[in-house]
Amino acid sequence: MTKGVIASLGLFLTFLLWYVVNMEERLDFLKYFTPFKYFDAANLMADHALDPVFVVLSVVIIALAVFATYRFYAARDLTV
């Protein structure tokens, strides 16, 4: 599998998880594993605010991804 296929599959699986969480309230704890629940349009329109937990979680995920990217590419031998 190529990296693009894996990324697309991951995006599709998080979308399916969002769909399942919306259908079944007992699975509400899974909302932290799908980015589609982080900034839900219905909640945004009703509350006129973002959920601080999801904002902090997004910032942490982005910071970890940037750190991992720089760490990964610093270890590679990219001679041009």
PDB file of N, CA and C in Angstrom:
ATOM      1  N   MET A   1       0.831  -1.189   0.000  1.00  0.00           N
ATOM      2  CA  MET A   1       0.000   0.000   0.000  1.00  0.00           C
ATOM      3  C   MET A   1       0.873   1.249   0.000  1.00  0.00           C
ATOM      4  N   THR A   2       0.438   2.225  -0.743  1.00  0.00           N
ATOM      5  CA  THR A   2       1.184   3.484  -0.758  1.00  0.00           C
ATOM      6  C   THR A   2       0.732   4.358   0.408  1.00  0.00           C
ATOM      7  N   LYS A   3       1.512   5.386   0.670  1.00  0.00           N
ATOM      8  CA  LYS A   3       1.193   6.283   1.781  1.00  0.00           C
ATOM      9  C   LYS A   3      -0.112   7.031   1.543  1.00  0.00           C
ATOM     10  N   GLY A   4      -0.387   7.351   0.283  1.00  0.00           N
ATOM     11  CA  GLY A   4      -1.635   8.053  -0.035  1.00  0.00           C
ATOM     12  C   GLY A   4      -2.857   7.196   0.236  1.00  0.00           C
ATOM     13  N   VAL A   5      -2.750   5.911  -0.069  1.00  0.00           N
ATOM     14  CA  VAL A   5      -3.868   4.993   0.183  1.00  0.00           C
ATOM     15  C   VAL A   5      -4.084   4.833   1.676  1.00  0.00           C
ATOM     16  N   ILE A   6      -3.002   4.733   2.433  1.00  0.00           N
ATOM     17  CA  ILE A   6      -3.107   4.594   3.879  1.00  0.00           C
ATOM     18  C   ILE A   6      -3.723   5.845   4.500  1.00  0.00           C
ATOM     19  N   ALA A   7      -3.311   7.013   4.030  1.00  0.00           N
ATOM     20  CA  ALA A   7      -3.875   8.264   4.546  1.00  0.00           C
ATOM     21  C   ALA A   7      -5.360   8.370   4.213  1.00  0.00           C
ATOM     22  N   SER A   8      -5.725   7.994   2.999  1.00  0.00           N
ATOM     23  CA  SER A   8      -7.139   8.041   2.613  1.00  0.00           C
ATOM     24  C   SER A   8      -7.961   7.057   3.426  1.00  0.00           C
ATOM     25  N   LEU A   9      -7.408   5.890   3.680  1.00  0.00           N
ATOM     26  CA  LEU A   9      -8.105   4.899   4.489  1.00  0.00           C
ATOM     27  C   LEU A   9      -8.290   5.394   5.916  1.00  0.00           C
ATOM     28  N   GLY A  10      -7.269   6.044   6.454  1.00  0.00           N
ATOM     29  CA  GLY A  10      -7.372   6.606   7.802  1.00  0.00           C
ATOM     30  C   GLY A  10      -8.437   7.685   7.878  1.00  0.00           C
ATOM     31  N   LEU A  11      -8.494   8.542   6.878  1.00  0.00           N
ATOM     32  CA  LEU A  11      -9.515   9.585   6.840  1.00  0.00           C
ATOM     33  C   LEU A  11     -10.905   8.980   6.742  1.00  0.00           C
ATOM     34  N   PHE A  12     -11.049   7.960   5.915  1.00  0.00           N
ATOM     35  CA  PHE A  12     -12.338   7.293   5.771  1.00  0.00           C
ATOM     36  C   PHE A  12     -12.759   6.612   7.074  1.00  0.00           C
ATOM     37  N   LEU A  13     -11.820   5.984   7.771  1.00  0.00           N
ATOM     38  CA  LEU A  13     -12.150   5.316   9.027  1.00  0.00           C
ATOM     39  C   LEU A  13     -12.552   6.320  10.112  1.00  0.00           C
ATOM     40  N   THR A  14     -11.906   7.492  10.147  1.00  0.00           N
ATOM     41  CA  THR A  14     -12.323   8.499  11.124  1.00  0.00           C
ATOM     42  C   THR A  14     -13.697   9.062  10.772  1.00  0.00           C
ATOM     43  N   PHE A  15     -14.021   9.133   9.483  1.00  0.00           N
ATOM     44  CA  PHE A  15     -15.362   9.560   9.088  1.00  0.00           C
ATOM     45  C   PHE A  15     -16.404   8.526   9.518  1.00  0.00           C
ATOM     46  N   LEU A  16     -16.099   7.249   9.326  1.00  0.00           N
ATOM     47  CA  LEU A  16     -17.019   6.196   9.774  1.00  0.00           C
ATOM     48  C   LEU A  16     -17.198   6.236  11.289  1.00  0.00           C
ATOM     49  N   LEU A  17     -16.123   6.488  12.009  1.00  0.00           N
ATOM     50  CA  LEU A  17     -16.218   6.600  13.460  1.00  0.00           C
ATOM     51  C   LEU A  17     -17.107   7.772  13.851  1.00  0.00           C
ATOM     52  N   TRP A  18     -16.991   8.888  13.150  1.00  0.00           N
ATOM     53  CA  TRP A  18     -17.863  10.046  13.398  1.00  0.00           C
ATOM     54  C   TRP A  18     -19.325   9.670  13.187  1.00  0.00           C
ATOM     55  N   TYR A  19     -19.580   8.926  12.132  1.00  0.00           N
ATOM     56  CA  TYR A  19     -20.941   8.509  11.808  1.00  0.00           C
ATOM     57  C   TYR A  19     -21.509   7.598  12.903  1.00  0.00           C
ATOM     58  N   VAL A  20     -20.698   6.670  13.376  1.00  0.00           N
ATOM     59  CA  VAL A  20     -21.150   5.747  14.427  1.00  0.00           C
ATOM     60  C   VAL A  20     -21.390   6.493  15.734  1.00  0.00           C
ATOM     61  N   VAL A  21     -20.526   7.422  16.084  1.00  0.00           N
ATOM     62  CA  VAL A  21     -20.685   8.199  17.313  1.00  0.00           C
ATOM     63  C   VAL A  21     -21.963   9.030  17.249  1.00  0.00           C
ATOM     64  N   ASN A  22     -22.295   9.566  16.075  1.00  0.00           N
ATOM     65  CA  ASN A  22     -23.528  10.342  15.936  1.00  0.00           C
ATOM     66  C   ASN A  22     -24.773   9.473  16.075  1.00  0.00           C
ATOM     67  N   MET A  23     -24.680   8.209  15.699  1.00  0.00           N
ATOM     68  CA  MET A  23     -25.840   7.325  15.755  1.00  0.00           C
ATOM     69  C   MET A  23     -26.061   6.724  17.143  1.00  0.00           C
ATOM     70  N   GLU A  24     -25.004   6.481  17.873  1.00  0.00           N
ATOM     71  CA  GLU A  24     -25.110   5.777  19.148  1.00  0.00           C
ATOM     72  C   GLU A  24     -24.506   6.619  20.268  1.00  0.00           C
ATOM     73  N   GLU A  25     -25.330   7.096  21.190  1.00  0.00           N
ATOM     74  CA  GLU A  25     -24.846   7.969  22.256  1.00  0.00           C
ATOM     75  C   GLU A  25     -23.982   7.244  23.273  1.00  0.00           C
ATOM     76  N   ARG A  26     -24.119   5.936  23.377  1.00  0.00           N
ATOM     77  CA  ARG A  26     -23.287   5.179  24.321  1.00  0.00           C
ATOM     78  C   ARG A  26     -21.818   5.205  23.901  1.00  0.00           C
ATOM     79  N   LEU A  27     -21.553   5.488  22.648  1.00  0.00           N
ATOM     80  CA  LEU A  27     -20.181   5.531  22.138  1.00  0.00           C
ATOM     81  C   LEU A  27     -19.633   6.954  22.096  1.00  0.00           C
ATOM     82  N   ASP A  28     -20.193   7.837  22.884  1.00  0.00           N
ATOM     83  CA  ASP A  28     -19.811   9.246  22.860  1.00  0.00           C
ATOM     84  C   ASP A  28     -18.347   9.459  23.257  1.00  0.00           C
ATOM     85  N   PHE A  29     -17.769   8.548  24.037  1.00  0.00           N
ATOM     86  CA  PHE A  29     -16.369   8.689  24.436  1.00  0.00           C
ATOM     87  C   PHE A  29     -15.413   8.568  23.250  1.00  0.00           C
ATOM     88  N   LEU A  30     -15.881   8.024  22.131  1.00  0.00           N
ATOM     89  CA  LEU A  30     -15.043   7.885  20.936  1.00  0.00           C
ATOM     90  C   LEU A  30     -14.920   9.184  20.139  1.00  0.00           C
ATOM     91  N   LYS A  31     -15.637  10.209  20.542  1.00  0.00           N
ATOM     92  CA  LYS A  31     -15.600  11.465  19.788  1.00  0.00           C
ATOM     93  C   LYS A  31     -14.218  12.111  19.794  1.00  0.00           C
ATOM     94  N   TYR A  32     -13.373  11.735  20.735  1.00  0.00           N
ATOM     95  CA  TYR A  32     -12.024  12.298  20.790  1.00  0.00           C
ATOM     96  C   TYR A  32     -11.099  11.691  19.741  1.00  0.00           C
ATOM     97  N   PHE A  33     -11.523  10.597  19.104  1.00  0.00           N
ATOM     98  CA  PHE A  33     -10.695   9.915  18.118  1.00  0.00           C
ATOM     99  C   PHE A  33     -11.030  10.296  16.679  1.00  0.00           C
ATOM    100  N   THR A  34     -12.008  11.142  16.484  1.00  0.00           N
ATOM    101  CA  THR A  34     -12.362  11.563  15.131  1.00  0.00           C
ATOM    102  C   THR A  34     -12.344  13.089  15.031  1.00  0.00           C
ATOM    103  N   PRO A  35     -11.572  13.631  14.107  1.00  0.00           N
ATOM    104  CA  PRO A  35     -11.512  15.090  13.979  1.00  0.00           C
ATOM    105  C   PRO A  35     -12.816  15.696  13.468  1.00  0.00           C
ATOM    106  N   PHE A  36     -13.713  14.901  12.946  1.00  0.00           N
ATOM    107  CA  PHE A  36     -14.984  15.417  12.453  1.00  0.00           C
ATOM    108  C   PHE A  36     -15.893  15.868  13.593  1.00  0.00           C
ATOM    109  N   LYS A  37     -15.644  15.416  14.823  1.00  0.00           N
ATOM    110  CA  LYS A  37     -16.430  15.843  15.973  1.00  0.00           C
ATOM    111  C   LYS A  37     -15.810  17.047  16.677  1.00  0.00           C
ATOM    112  N   TYR A  38     -14.570  17.390  16.341  1.00  0.00           N
ATOM    113  CA  TYR A  38     -13.886  18.465  17.045  1.00  0.00           C
ATOM    114  C   TYR A  38     -14.593  19.806  16.851  1.00  0.00           C
ATOM    115  N   PHE A  39     -14.991  20.103  15.636  1.00  0.00           N
ATOM    116  CA  PHE A  39     -15.603  21.385  15.329  1.00  0.00           C
ATOM    117  C   PHE A  39     -16.934  21.135  14.631  1.00  0.00           C
ATOM    118  N   ASP A  40     -17.878  20.609  15.372  1.00  0.00           N
ATOM    119  CA  ASP A  40     -19.188  20.253  14.857  1.00  0.00           C
ATOM    120  C   ASP A  40     -19.980  21.526  14.549  1.00  0.00           C
ATOM    121  N   ALA A  41     -20.475  21.633  13.340  1.00  0.00           N
ATOM    122  CA  ALA A  41     -21.179  22.848  12.906  1.00  0.00           C
ATOM    123  C   ALA A  41     -22.441  23.103  13.729  1.00  0.00           C
ATOM    124  N   ALA A  42     -23.154  22.055  14.094  1.00  0.00           N
ATOM    125  CA  ALA A  42     -24.388  22.231  14.879  1.00  0.00           C
ATOM    126  C   ALA A  42     -24.076  22.843  16.244  1.00  0.00           C
ATOM    127  N   ASN A  43     -23.048  22.347  16.899  1.00  0.00           N
ATOM    128  CA  ASN A  43     -22.669  22.910  18.201  1.00  0.00           C
ATOM    129  C   ASN A  43     -22.117  24.317  18.058  1.00  0.00           C
ATOM    130  N   LEU A  44     -21.396  24.560  16.997  1.00  0.00           N
ATOM    131  CA  LEU A  44     -20.825  25.879  16.770  1.00  0.00           C
ATOM    132  C   LEU A  44     -21.921  26.925  16.544  1.00  0.00           C
ATOM    133  N   MET A  45     -22.938  26.552  15.781  1.00  0.00           N
ATOM    134  CA  MET A  45     -24.041  27.478  15.528  1.00  0.00           C
ATOM    135  C   MET A  45     -24.897  27.697  16.775  1.00  0.00           C
ATOM    136  N   ALA A  46     -25.083  26.654  17.569  1.00  0.00           N
ATOM    137  CA  ALA A  46     -25.934  26.759  18.761  1.00  0.00           C
ATOM    138  C   ALA A  46     -25.227  27.524  19.884  1.00  0.00           C
ATOM    139  N   ASP A  47     -23.956  27.225  20.125  1.00  0.00           N
ATOM    140  CA  ASP A  47     -23.240  27.804  21.263  1.00  0.00           C
ATOM    141  C   ASP A  47     -22.437  29.052  20.909  1.00  0.00           C
ATOM    142  N   HIS A  48     -22.189  29.285  19.633  1.00  0.00           N
ATOM    143  CA  HIS A  48     -21.381  30.413  19.165  1.00  0.00           C
ATOM    144  C   HIS A  48     -19.980  30.383  19.775  1.00  0.00           C
ATOM    145  N   ALA A  49     -19.476  29.184  20.037  1.00  0.00           N
ATOM    146  CA  ALA A  49     -18.135  29.043  20.598  1.00  0.00           C
ATOM    147  C   ALA A  49     -17.600  27.656  20.294  1.00  0.00           C
ATOM    148  N   LEU A  50     -16.288  27.562  20.291  1.00  0.00           N
ATOM    149  CA  LEU A  50     -15.642  26.271  20.111  1.00  0.00           C
ATOM    150  C   LEU A  50     -15.447  25.609  21.466  1.00  0.00           C
ATOM    151  N   ASP A  51     -15.468  24.286  21.492  1.00  0.00           N
ATOM    152  CA  ASP A  51     -15.224  23.554  22.722  1.00  0.00           C
ATOM    153  C   ASP A  51     -13.734  23.641  23.048  1.00  0.00           C
ATOM    154  N   PRO A  52     -13.373  24.195  24.204  1.00  0.00           N
ATOM    155  CA  PRO A  52     -11.954  24.381  24.536  1.00  0.00           C
ATOM    156  C   PRO A  52     -11.163  23.068  24.575  1.00  0.00           C
ATOM    157  N   VAL A  53     -11.794  21.984  24.953  1.00  0.00           N
ATOM    158  CA  VAL A  53     -11.099  20.689  24.991  1.00  0.00           C
ATOM    159  C   VAL A  53     -10.619  20.305  23.598  1.00  0.00           C
ATOM    160  N   PHE A  54     -11.471  20.487  22.597  1.00  0.00           N
ATOM    161  CA  PHE A  54     -11.103  20.118  21.242  1.00  0.00           C
ATOM    162  C   PHE A  54     -10.081  21.086  20.651  1.00  0.00           C
ATOM    163  N   VAL A  55     -10.130  22.333  21.040  1.00  0.00           N
ATOM    164  CA  VAL A  55      -9.135  23.302  20.561  1.00  0.00           C
ATOM    165  C   VAL A  55      -7.752  22.940  21.113  1.00  0.00           C
ATOM    166  N   VAL A  56      -7.681  22.646  22.406  1.00  0.00           N
ATOM    167  CA  VAL A  56      -6.404  22.260  23.021  1.00  0.00           C
ATOM    168  C   VAL A  56      -5.909  20.948  22.423  1.00  0.00           C
ATOM    169  N   LEU A  57      -6.814  19.997  22.239  1.00  0.00           N
ATOM    170  CA  LEU A  57      -6.437  18.714  21.650  1.00  0.00           C
ATOM    171  C   LEU A  57      -5.900  18.902  20.232  1.00  0.00           C
ATOM    172  N   SER A  58      -6.511  19.778  19.463  1.00  0.00           N
ATOM    173  CA  SER A  58      -6.038  20.061  18.105  1.00  0.00           C
ATOM    174  C   SER A  58      -4.650  20.682  18.108  1.00  0.00           C
ATOM    175  N   VAL A  59      -4.422  21.622  19.003  1.00  0.00           N
ATOM    176  CA  VAL A  59      -3.113  22.273  19.090  1.00  0.00           C
ATOM    177  C   VAL A  59      -2.042  21.259  19.484  1.00  0.00           C
ATOM    178  N   VAL A  60      -2.357  20.379  20.418  1.00  0.00           N
ATOM    179  CA  VAL A  60      -1.399  19.357  20.842  1.00  0.00           C
ATOM    180  C   VAL A  60      -1.089  18.392  19.698  1.00  0.00           C
ATOM    181  N   ILE A  61      -2.106  17.945  18.979  1.00  0.00           N
ATOM    182  CA  ILE A  61      -1.895  17.033  17.854  1.00  0.00           C
ATOM    183  C   ILE A  61      -1.052  17.696  16.767  1.00  0.00           C
ATOM    184  N   ILE A  62      -1.337  18.958  16.462  1.00  0.00           N
ATOM    185  CA  ILE A  62      -0.569  19.677  15.444  1.00  0.00           C
ATOM    186  C   ILE A  62       0.882  19.850  15.891  1.00  0.00           C
ATOM    187  N   ALA A  63       1.100  20.205  17.152  1.00  0.00           N
ATOM    188  CA  ALA A  63       2.466  20.379  17.655  1.00  0.00           C
ATOM    189  C   ALA A  63       3.237  19.064  17.604  1.00  0.00           C
ATOM    190  N   LEU A  64       2.601  17.966  17.992  1.00  0.00           N
ATOM    191  CA  LEU A  64       3.254  16.663  17.927  1.00  0.00           C
ATOM    192  C   LEU A  64       3.569  16.257  16.483  1.00  0.00           C
ATOM    193  N   ALA A  65       2.669  16.556  15.562  1.00  0.00           N
ATOM    194  CA  ALA A  65       2.895  16.216  14.162  1.00  0.00           C
ATOM    195  C   ALA A  65       4.053  17.034  13.584  1.00  0.00           C
ATOM    196  N   VAL A  66       4.129  18.311  13.904  1.00  0.00           N
ATOM    197  CA  VAL A  66       5.232  19.149  13.424  1.00  0.00           C
ATOM    198  C   VAL A  66       6.556  18.666  14.006  1.00  0.00           C
ATOM    199  N   PHE A  67       6.566  18.375  15.297  1.00  0.00           N
ATOM    200  CA  PHE A  67       7.784  17.865  15.940  1.00  0.00           C
ATOM    201  C   PHE A  67       8.218  16.547  15.303  1.00  0.00           C
ATOM    202  N   ALA A  68       7.283  15.631  15.095  1.00  0.00           N
ATOM    203  CA  ALA A  68       7.613  14.332  14.503  1.00  0.00           C
ATOM    204  C   ALA A  68       8.108  14.492  13.069  1.00  0.00           C
ATOM    205  N   THR A  69       7.536  15.435  12.335  1.00  0.00           N
ATOM    206  CA  THR A  69       7.977  15.664  10.958  1.00  0.00           C
ATOM    207  C   THR A  69       9.413  16.155  10.917  1.00  0.00           C
ATOM    208  N   TYR A  70       9.735  17.145  11.732  1.00  0.00           N
ATOM    209  CA  TYR A  70      11.108  17.650  11.757  1.00  0.00           C
ATOM    210  C   TYR A  70      12.079  16.587  12.250  1.00  0.00           C
ATOM    211  N   ARG A  71      11.670  15.815  13.204  1.00  0.00           N
ATOM    212  CA  ARG A  71      12.523  14.744  13.734  1.00  0.00           C
ATOM    213  C   ARG A  71      12.764  13.665  12.680  1.00  0.00           C
ATOM    214  N   PHE A  72      11.714  13.288  11.957  1.00  0.00           N
ATOM    215  CA  PHE A  72      11.820  12.257  10.936  1.00  0.00           C
ATOM    216  C   PHE A  72      12.687  12.722   9.771  1.00  0.00           C
ATOM    217  N   TYR A  73      12.481  13.935   9.303  1.00  0.00           N
ATOM    218  CA  TYR A  73      13.235  14.396   8.136  1.00  0.00           C
ATOM    219  C   TYR A  73      14.664  14.806   8.490  1.00  0.00           C
ATOM    220  N   ALA A  74      14.935  15.109   9.730  1.00  0.00           N
ATOM    221  CA  ALA A  74      16.313  15.393  10.133  1.00  0.00           C
ATOM    222  C   ALA A  74      17.163  14.130  10.114  1.00  0.00           C
ATOM    223  N   ALA A  75      16.525  12.996  10.311  1.00  0.00           N
ATOM    224  CA  ALA A  75      17.242  11.716  10.329  1.00  0.00           C
ATOM    225  C   ALA A  75      17.462  11.162   8.907  1.00  0.00           C
ATOM    226  N   ARG A  76      16.789  11.714   7.925  1.00  0.00           N
ATOM    227  CA  ARG A  76      16.931  11.219   6.553  1.00  0.00           C
ATOM    228  C   ARG A  76      18.109  11.868   5.861  1.00  0.00           C
ATOM    229  N   ASP A  77      18.693  11.134   4.927  1.00  0.00           N
ATOM    230  CA  ASP A  77      19.799  11.651   4.134  1.00  0.00           C
ATOM    231  C   ASP A  77      19.220  12.177   2.823  1.00  0.00           C
ATOM    232  N   LEU A  78      18.938  13.463   2.773  1.00  0.00           N
ATOM    233  CA  LEU A  78      18.316  14.067   1.599  1.00  0.00           C
ATOM    234  C   LEU A  78      19.344  14.943   0.870  1.00  0.00           C
ATOM    235  N   THR A  79      20.238  14.320   0.155  1.00  0.00           N
ATOM    236  CA  THR A  79      21.212  15.084  -0.611  1.00  0.00           C
ATOM    237  C   THR A  79      20.618  15.436  -1.960  1.00  0.00           C
ATOM    238  N   VAL A  80      20.836  16.655  -2.363  1.00  0.00           N
ATOM    239  CA  VAL A  80      20.291  17.121  -3.641  1.00  0.00           C
ATOM    240  C   VAL A  80      21.423  17.332  -4.624  1.00  0.00           C
TER     241      VAL A  80
END
